[in-house]
Amino acid sequence: MRQFIRHPANIPIEVAGDEPASPANLHAQNISLGGLSFQSRAELEPGAIVAVKISWVRPEFETKARVVWCNACDEAFDLGVEFLDAEDAFRARMVEQVCHIENYRQEIRRVEGRALTAEEAAVEWIAKYASQFPEIGPEGGH
């Protein structure tokens, strides 16, 4: 049973493991208070520690995470990682809100044909949906 609600996300992330190879540029598939999932060409063992970076939010989101699961999928691997630090989990909550706003901006463009700036989308999204977004404190409590 899932401990945290997952929210769809299609955001660019960088993930780097212990090996000295450069980080892989990937896309998060889901993000939650506890972690995120993504698809990678590389298989990672559960328990492995990875560095996760989301550059397109300001300030950049960087954290360490532990691989929880890794499943083969076609020619790639679906991976799930959990954040190691409660404060990083709280910060991920802010990234999650940015993801919702970006998804809203893209949906408005697709459905209504309106091109919103990130700021305009944020104002509209907050007015329409922020009250439905559960408040979580830095300790993870409600």
N, C-alpha and C. Protein backbone atom coordinates (compact mmCIF):
# COMPACT_ATOMS: atom_id res chain seq x y z
N MET A 1 0.84 -1.18 0.00
CA MET A 1 0.00 0.00 0.00
C MET A 1 0.88 1.25 0.00
N ARG A 2 0.54 2.21 -0.84
CA ARG A 2 1.31 3.43 -0.97
C ARG A 2 1.17 4.31 0.27
N GLN A 3 2.30 4.85 0.73
CA GLN A 3 2.30 5.73 1.90
C GLN A 3 1.98 7.17 1.50
N PHE A 4 2.32 7.57 0.28
CA PHE A 4 2.11 8.94 -0.18
C PHE A 4 1.37 8.93 -1.50
N ILE A 5 0.54 9.94 -1.73
CA ILE A 5 -0.18 10.07 -2.99
C ILE A 5 0.81 10.50 -4.07
N ARG A 6 0.76 9.82 -5.21
CA ARG A 6 1.61 10.21 -6.33
C ARG A 6 0.86 11.15 -7.24
N HIS A 7 1.59 12.09 -7.79
CA HIS A 7 1.00 13.05 -8.73
C HIS A 7 1.78 12.97 -10.02
N PRO A 8 1.07 12.96 -11.16
CA PRO A 8 1.77 12.88 -12.43
C PRO A 8 2.69 14.07 -12.63
N ALA A 9 3.82 13.80 -13.21
CA ALA A 9 4.78 14.86 -13.48
C ALA A 9 5.54 14.47 -14.74
N ASN A 10 5.83 15.44 -15.53
CA ASN A 10 6.67 15.19 -16.69
C ASN A 10 7.72 16.29 -16.68
N ILE A 11 8.62 16.18 -15.71
CA ILE A 11 9.62 17.23 -15.54
C ILE A 11 11.01 16.67 -15.75
N PRO A 12 11.88 17.47 -16.36
CA PRO A 12 13.24 16.99 -16.58
C PRO A 12 14.00 16.91 -15.25
N ILE A 13 14.68 15.80 -15.06
CA ILE A 13 15.50 15.59 -13.87
C ILE A 13 16.86 15.04 -14.29
N GLU A 14 17.83 15.18 -13.41
CA GLU A 14 19.13 14.53 -13.60
C GLU A 14 19.30 13.56 -12.45
N VAL A 15 19.76 12.36 -12.77
CA VAL A 15 20.00 11.35 -11.75
C VAL A 15 21.40 10.81 -11.95
N ALA A 16 22.18 10.79 -10.88
CA ALA A 16 23.55 10.28 -10.94
C ALA A 16 23.75 9.28 -9.82
N GLY A 17 24.36 8.15 -10.16
CA GLY A 17 24.68 7.13 -9.17
C GLY A 17 26.10 7.27 -8.68
N ASP A 18 26.63 6.21 -8.10
CA ASP A 18 27.98 6.22 -7.54
C ASP A 18 29.08 6.24 -8.60
N GLU A 19 28.81 5.67 -9.75
CA GLU A 19 29.85 5.59 -10.78
C GLU A 19 30.17 6.99 -11.31
N PRO A 20 31.39 7.20 -11.79
CA PRO A 20 31.80 8.54 -12.22
C PRO A 20 31.19 9.02 -13.53
N ALA A 21 30.33 8.23 -14.15
CA ALA A 21 29.70 8.66 -15.40
C ALA A 21 28.86 9.91 -15.17
N SER A 22 28.69 10.69 -16.21
CA SER A 22 27.90 11.91 -16.08
C SER A 22 26.44 11.55 -15.78
N PRO A 23 25.72 12.48 -15.15
CA PRO A 23 24.34 12.19 -14.79
C PRO A 23 23.47 11.97 -16.02
N ALA A 24 22.45 11.14 -15.86
CA ALA A 24 21.51 10.88 -16.95
C ALA A 24 20.43 11.95 -16.92
N ASN A 25 20.08 12.47 -18.08
CA ASN A 25 18.97 13.42 -18.20
C ASN A 25 17.71 12.62 -18.46
N LEU A 26 16.77 12.69 -17.53
CA LEU A 26 15.57 11.87 -17.57
C LEU A 26 14.35 12.74 -17.34
N HIS A 27 13.18 12.11 -17.25
CA HIS A 27 11.94 12.81 -16.92
C HIS A 27 11.27 12.06 -15.78
N ALA A 28 10.93 12.81 -14.73
CA ALA A 28 10.16 12.23 -13.63
C ALA A 28 8.78 11.87 -14.16
N GLN A 29 8.27 10.71 -13.77
CA GLN A 29 6.94 10.30 -14.20
C GLN A 29 5.91 10.64 -13.13
N ASN A 30 6.29 10.46 -11.88
CA ASN A 30 5.42 10.77 -10.74
C ASN A 30 6.27 11.37 -9.65
N ILE A 31 5.67 12.26 -8.87
CA ILE A 31 6.37 12.83 -7.73
C ILE A 31 5.40 12.83 -6.56
N SER A 32 5.92 12.56 -5.37
CA SER A 32 5.10 12.57 -4.17
C SER A 32 5.93 13.12 -3.03
N LEU A 33 5.31 13.23 -1.86
CA LEU A 33 6.05 13.71 -0.70
C LEU A 33 7.18 12.76 -0.35
N GLY A 34 7.03 11.48 -0.64
CA GLY A 34 8.04 10.51 -0.27
C GLY A 34 9.14 10.28 -1.26
N GLY A 35 8.92 10.58 -2.55
CA GLY A 35 9.94 10.33 -3.55
C GLY A 35 9.41 10.58 -4.94
N LEU A 36 10.04 9.94 -5.92
CA LEU A 36 9.59 10.09 -7.29
C LEU A 36 9.92 8.84 -8.08
N SER A 37 9.31 8.74 -9.25
CA SER A 37 9.61 7.62 -10.15
C SER A 37 10.02 8.18 -11.50
N PHE A 38 10.81 7.39 -12.20
CA PHE A 38 11.30 7.81 -13.51
C PHE A 38 11.72 6.59 -14.29
N GLN A 39 11.96 6.77 -15.57
CA GLN A 39 12.43 5.68 -16.42
C GLN A 39 13.87 5.95 -16.81
N SER A 40 14.68 4.89 -16.80
CA SER A 40 16.11 5.02 -17.09
C SER A 40 16.55 3.87 -17.99
N ARG A 41 17.58 4.10 -18.74
CA ARG A 41 18.18 3.01 -19.54
C ARG A 41 19.06 2.12 -18.66
N ALA A 42 19.45 2.64 -17.51
CA ALA A 42 20.34 1.90 -16.61
C ALA A 42 19.54 1.23 -15.49
N GLU A 43 19.90 0.01 -15.19
CA GLU A 43 19.29 -0.70 -14.06
C GLU A 43 20.03 -0.30 -12.78
N LEU A 44 19.28 0.02 -11.75
CA LEU A 44 19.87 0.35 -10.46
C LEU A 44 19.32 -0.60 -9.41
N GLU A 45 20.19 -1.06 -8.56
CA GLU A 45 19.78 -2.00 -7.51
C GLU A 45 19.03 -1.28 -6.40
N PRO A 46 17.94 -1.89 -5.88
CA PRO A 46 17.29 -1.32 -4.70
C PRO A 46 18.31 -1.15 -3.58
N GLY A 47 18.23 -0.01 -2.90
CA GLY A 47 19.18 0.32 -1.85
C GLY A 47 20.27 1.26 -2.32
N ALA A 48 20.50 1.35 -3.63
CA ALA A 48 21.53 2.25 -4.16
C ALA A 48 21.14 3.70 -3.87
N ILE A 49 22.12 4.52 -3.58
CA ILE A 49 21.90 5.94 -3.31
C ILE A 49 22.22 6.72 -4.59
N VAL A 50 21.32 7.62 -4.98
CA VAL A 50 21.50 8.43 -6.18
C VAL A 50 21.32 9.90 -5.83
N ALA A 51 21.94 10.76 -6.62
CA ALA A 51 21.75 12.20 -6.51
C ALA A 51 20.67 12.58 -7.52
N VAL A 52 19.68 13.33 -7.08
CA VAL A 52 18.58 13.78 -7.94
C VAL A 52 18.63 15.29 -8.01
N LYS A 53 18.49 15.82 -9.23
CA LYS A 53 18.53 17.28 -9.42
C LYS A 53 17.42 17.68 -10.38
N ILE A 54 16.66 18.70 -10.00
CA ILE A 54 15.65 19.28 -10.86
C ILE A 54 16.07 20.73 -11.08
N SER A 55 16.58 21.02 -12.27
CA SER A 55 17.19 22.31 -12.56
C SER A 55 16.21 23.39 -12.97
N TRP A 56 15.04 23.03 -13.49
CA TRP A 56 14.19 24.07 -14.05
C TRP A 56 13.32 24.77 -13.02
N VAL A 57 13.44 24.41 -11.73
CA VAL A 57 12.78 25.18 -10.68
C VAL A 57 13.84 26.04 -9.99
N ARG A 58 13.42 27.18 -9.44
CA ARG A 58 14.34 28.06 -8.74
C ARG A 58 13.88 28.24 -7.31
N PRO A 59 14.74 27.99 -6.34
CA PRO A 59 16.09 27.47 -6.52
C PRO A 59 16.05 26.02 -6.99
N GLU A 60 17.18 25.57 -7.57
CA GLU A 60 17.25 24.18 -8.02
C GLU A 60 16.97 23.24 -6.85
N PHE A 61 16.31 22.13 -7.18
CA PHE A 61 16.04 21.11 -6.18
C PHE A 61 17.10 20.02 -6.34
N GLU A 62 17.87 19.79 -5.28
CA GLU A 62 18.88 18.73 -5.29
C GLU A 62 18.74 17.93 -4.00
N THR A 63 18.83 16.62 -4.12
CA THR A 63 18.73 15.77 -2.94
C THR A 63 19.37 14.41 -3.22
N LYS A 64 19.53 13.66 -2.17
CA LYS A 64 19.95 12.26 -2.29
C LYS A 64 18.70 11.41 -2.07
N ALA A 65 18.65 10.30 -2.77
CA ALA A 65 17.51 9.40 -2.66
C ALA A 65 17.98 7.95 -2.72
N ARG A 66 17.18 7.08 -2.18
CA ARG A 66 17.47 5.64 -2.19
C ARG A 66 16.55 4.95 -3.19
N VAL A 67 17.12 4.11 -4.04
CA VAL A 67 16.32 3.33 -4.98
C VAL A 67 15.50 2.32 -4.17
N VAL A 68 14.18 2.35 -4.37
CA VAL A 68 13.28 1.45 -3.65
C VAL A 68 12.89 0.27 -4.53
N TRP A 69 12.68 0.53 -5.81
CA TRP A 69 12.33 -0.53 -6.74
C TRP A 69 12.87 -0.21 -8.13
N CYS A 70 13.07 -1.27 -8.90
CA CYS A 70 13.56 -1.15 -10.28
C CYS A 70 12.96 -2.31 -11.07
N ASN A 71 12.15 -1.98 -12.07
CA ASN A 71 11.48 -2.99 -12.87
C ASN A 71 11.82 -2.82 -14.34
N ALA A 72 12.17 -3.93 -15.00
CA ALA A 72 12.43 -3.89 -16.43
C ALA A 72 11.16 -3.52 -17.18
N CYS A 73 11.29 -2.65 -18.19
CA CYS A 73 10.15 -2.20 -18.97
C CYS A 73 10.63 -1.96 -20.39
N ASP A 74 10.27 -2.83 -21.31
CA ASP A 74 10.74 -2.75 -22.69
C ASP A 74 12.27 -2.72 -22.69
N GLU A 75 12.86 -1.66 -23.25
CA GLU A 75 14.31 -1.58 -23.31
C GLU A 75 14.87 -0.64 -22.24
N ALA A 76 14.08 -0.40 -21.19
CA ALA A 76 14.51 0.52 -20.13
C ALA A 76 14.09 -0.06 -18.78
N PHE A 77 14.18 0.76 -17.75
CA PHE A 77 13.81 0.35 -16.40
C PHE A 77 12.98 1.45 -15.75
N ASP A 78 11.88 1.06 -15.14
CA ASP A 78 11.11 1.98 -14.31
C ASP A 78 11.69 1.91 -12.91
N LEU A 79 12.00 3.08 -12.34
CA LEU A 79 12.61 3.14 -11.01
C LEU A 79 11.80 4.02 -10.08
N GLY A 80 11.81 3.66 -8.81
CA GLY A 80 11.21 4.49 -7.78
C GLY A 80 12.25 4.76 -6.72
N VAL A 81 12.35 6.02 -6.31
CA VAL A 81 13.31 6.40 -5.27
C VAL A 81 12.58 7.11 -4.14
N GLU A 82 13.12 6.99 -2.94
CA GLU A 82 12.57 7.70 -1.79
C GLU A 82 13.59 8.71 -1.31
N PHE A 83 13.10 9.89 -0.92
CA PHE A 83 13.98 10.92 -0.40
C PHE A 83 14.52 10.50 0.95
N LEU A 84 15.78 10.85 1.23
CA LEU A 84 16.41 10.44 2.49
C LEU A 84 16.18 11.45 3.61
N ASP A 85 15.87 12.69 3.27
CA ASP A 85 15.78 13.75 4.26
C ASP A 85 14.35 14.31 4.30
N ALA A 86 13.79 14.45 5.52
CA ALA A 86 12.42 14.97 5.66
C ALA A 86 12.31 16.39 5.09
N GLU A 87 13.32 17.22 5.25
CA GLU A 87 13.29 18.57 4.71
C GLU A 87 13.25 18.54 3.19
N ASP A 88 13.99 17.60 2.58
CA ASP A 88 13.96 17.46 1.13
C ASP A 88 12.58 17.00 0.67
N ALA A 89 11.94 16.15 1.46
CA ALA A 89 10.59 15.71 1.12
C ALA A 89 9.64 16.90 1.12
N PHE A 90 9.78 17.81 2.08
CA PHE A 90 8.96 19.01 2.12
C PHE A 90 9.24 19.90 0.91
N ARG A 91 10.53 20.08 0.57
CA ARG A 91 10.89 20.88 -0.60
C ARG A 91 10.32 20.26 -1.87
N ALA A 92 10.29 18.93 -1.92
CA ALA A 92 9.73 18.24 -3.09
C ALA A 92 8.24 18.58 -3.24
N ARG A 93 7.59 18.87 -2.12
CA ARG A 93 6.19 19.26 -2.15
C ARG A 93 6.03 20.57 -2.94
N MET A 94 6.98 21.48 -2.78
CA MET A 94 6.94 22.73 -3.53
C MET A 94 7.17 22.46 -5.02
N VAL A 95 8.10 21.55 -5.32
CA VAL A 95 8.35 21.17 -6.71
C VAL A 95 7.08 20.55 -7.29
N GLU A 96 6.40 19.75 -6.48
CA GLU A 96 5.15 19.12 -6.91
C GLU A 96 4.13 20.18 -7.32
N GLN A 97 4.01 21.25 -6.54
CA GLN A 97 3.08 22.32 -6.89
C GLN A 97 3.48 22.98 -8.21
N VAL A 98 4.77 23.20 -8.40
CA VAL A 98 5.24 23.77 -9.66
C VAL A 98 4.87 22.85 -10.82
N CYS A 99 4.96 21.54 -10.61
CA CYS A 99 4.59 20.57 -11.65
C CYS A 99 3.11 20.69 -12.00
N HIS A 100 2.27 20.82 -10.99
CA HIS A 100 0.84 20.99 -11.24
C HIS A 100 0.57 22.26 -12.05
N ILE A 101 1.26 23.33 -11.70
CA ILE A 101 1.07 24.60 -12.41
C ILE A 101 1.52 24.47 -13.86
N GLU A 102 2.65 23.83 -14.09
CA GLU A 102 3.14 23.64 -15.46
C GLU A 102 2.19 22.75 -16.25
N ASN A 103 1.68 21.69 -15.64
CA ASN A 103 0.70 20.83 -16.32
C ASN A 103 -0.56 21.62 -16.66
N TYR A 104 -0.99 22.48 -15.74
CA TYR A 104 -2.15 23.34 -15.97
C TYR A 104 -1.90 24.27 -17.16
N ARG A 105 -0.72 24.88 -17.19
CA ARG A 105 -0.37 25.79 -18.29
C ARG A 105 -0.44 25.08 -19.63
N GLN A 106 0.12 23.87 -19.69
CA GLN A 106 0.11 23.10 -20.93
C GLN A 106 -1.31 22.68 -21.32
N GLU A 107 -2.12 22.30 -20.34
CA GLU A 107 -3.49 21.88 -20.60
C GLU A 107 -4.33 23.05 -21.13
N ILE A 108 -4.16 24.24 -20.55
CA ILE A 108 -4.89 25.42 -21.02
C ILE A 108 -4.51 25.74 -22.46
N ARG A 109 -3.24 25.61 -22.78
CA ARG A 109 -2.80 25.85 -24.17
C ARG A 109 -3.44 24.84 -25.12
N ARG A 110 -3.45 23.56 -24.70
CA ARG A 110 -4.00 22.50 -25.55
C ARG A 110 -5.51 22.62 -25.70
N VAL A 111 -6.22 22.84 -24.60
CA VAL A 111 -7.68 22.82 -24.62
C VAL A 111 -8.28 24.16 -25.06
N GLU A 112 -7.74 25.26 -24.53
CA GLU A 112 -8.33 26.57 -24.80
C GLU A 112 -7.55 27.39 -25.83
N GLY A 113 -6.33 26.97 -26.14
CA GLY A 113 -5.52 27.71 -27.09
C GLY A 113 -4.91 28.98 -26.51
N ARG A 114 -4.97 29.13 -25.18
CA ARG A 114 -4.38 30.31 -24.54
C ARG A 114 -2.96 30.00 -24.13
N ALA A 115 -2.04 30.89 -24.46
CA ALA A 115 -0.64 30.75 -24.06
C ALA A 115 -0.42 31.59 -22.81
N LEU A 116 -0.25 30.93 -21.67
CA LEU A 116 -0.03 31.61 -20.40
C LEU A 116 1.45 31.62 -20.05
N THR A 117 1.90 32.69 -19.44
CA THR A 117 3.24 32.68 -18.86
C THR A 117 3.19 31.80 -17.62
N ALA A 118 4.34 31.43 -17.10
CA ALA A 118 4.37 30.64 -15.88
C ALA A 118 3.69 31.38 -14.74
N GLU A 119 3.90 32.69 -14.66
CA GLU A 119 3.29 33.49 -13.59
C GLU A 119 1.77 33.54 -13.74
N GLU A 120 1.28 33.75 -14.95
CA GLU A 120 -0.17 33.77 -15.18
C GLU A 120 -0.80 32.42 -14.84
N ALA A 121 -0.13 31.35 -15.24
CA ALA A 121 -0.63 30.01 -14.93
C ALA A 121 -0.66 29.79 -13.42
N ALA A 122 0.36 30.26 -12.71
CA ALA A 122 0.41 30.09 -11.26
C ALA A 122 -0.75 30.82 -10.60
N VAL A 123 -1.01 32.05 -11.02
CA VAL A 123 -2.11 32.82 -10.43
C VAL A 123 -3.44 32.10 -10.66
N GLU A 124 -3.69 31.63 -11.87
CA GLU A 124 -4.94 30.93 -12.17
C GLU A 124 -5.03 29.61 -11.40
N TRP A 125 -3.94 28.84 -11.41
CA TRP A 125 -3.96 27.54 -10.73
C TRP A 125 -4.21 27.71 -9.23
N ILE A 126 -3.53 28.68 -8.61
CA ILE A 126 -3.70 28.92 -7.18
C ILE A 126 -5.15 29.29 -6.89
N ALA A 127 -5.74 30.16 -7.69
CA ALA A 127 -7.13 30.57 -7.48
C ALA A 127 -8.09 29.39 -7.61
N LYS A 128 -7.81 28.48 -8.55
CA LYS A 128 -8.72 27.37 -8.80
C LYS A 128 -8.48 26.15 -7.92
N TYR A 129 -7.20 25.82 -7.64
CA TYR A 129 -6.90 24.51 -7.07
C TYR A 129 -6.10 24.49 -5.77
N ALA A 130 -5.51 25.58 -5.38
CA ALA A 130 -4.62 25.55 -4.20
C ALA A 130 -5.34 25.07 -2.95
N SER A 131 -6.61 25.40 -2.78
CA SER A 131 -7.34 24.96 -1.58
C SER A 131 -7.52 23.45 -1.54
N GLN A 132 -7.42 22.79 -2.68
CA GLN A 132 -7.56 21.33 -2.75
C GLN A 132 -6.23 20.62 -2.55
N PHE A 133 -5.15 21.38 -2.50
CA PHE A 133 -3.81 20.81 -2.36
C PHE A 133 -3.52 20.67 -0.87
N PRO A 134 -3.40 19.45 -0.34
CA PRO A 134 -3.23 19.26 1.11
C PRO A 134 -1.98 19.96 1.63
N GLU A 135 -2.14 20.58 2.80
CA GLU A 135 -0.99 21.23 3.43
C GLU A 135 -0.20 20.21 4.22
N ILE A 136 1.09 20.21 4.00
CA ILE A 136 2.00 19.31 4.70
C ILE A 136 3.13 20.15 5.26
N GLY A 137 3.43 19.98 6.52
CA GLY A 137 4.53 20.71 7.13
C GLY A 137 5.85 20.03 6.90
N PRO A 138 6.97 20.67 7.29
CA PRO A 138 8.30 20.11 7.07
C PRO A 138 8.50 18.76 7.74
N GLU A 139 7.74 18.47 8.79
CA GLU A 139 7.89 17.18 9.47
C GLU A 139 7.07 16.09 8.79
N GLY A 140 6.29 16.44 7.77
CA GLY A 140 5.50 15.46 7.05
C GLY A 140 4.12 15.30 7.63
N GLY A 141 3.75 16.05 8.67
CA GLY A 141 2.43 15.92 9.27
C GLY A 141 1.43 16.83 8.60
N HIS A 142 0.17 16.60 8.87
CA HIS A 142 -0.90 17.44 8.30
C HIS A 142 -1.15 18.64 9.17
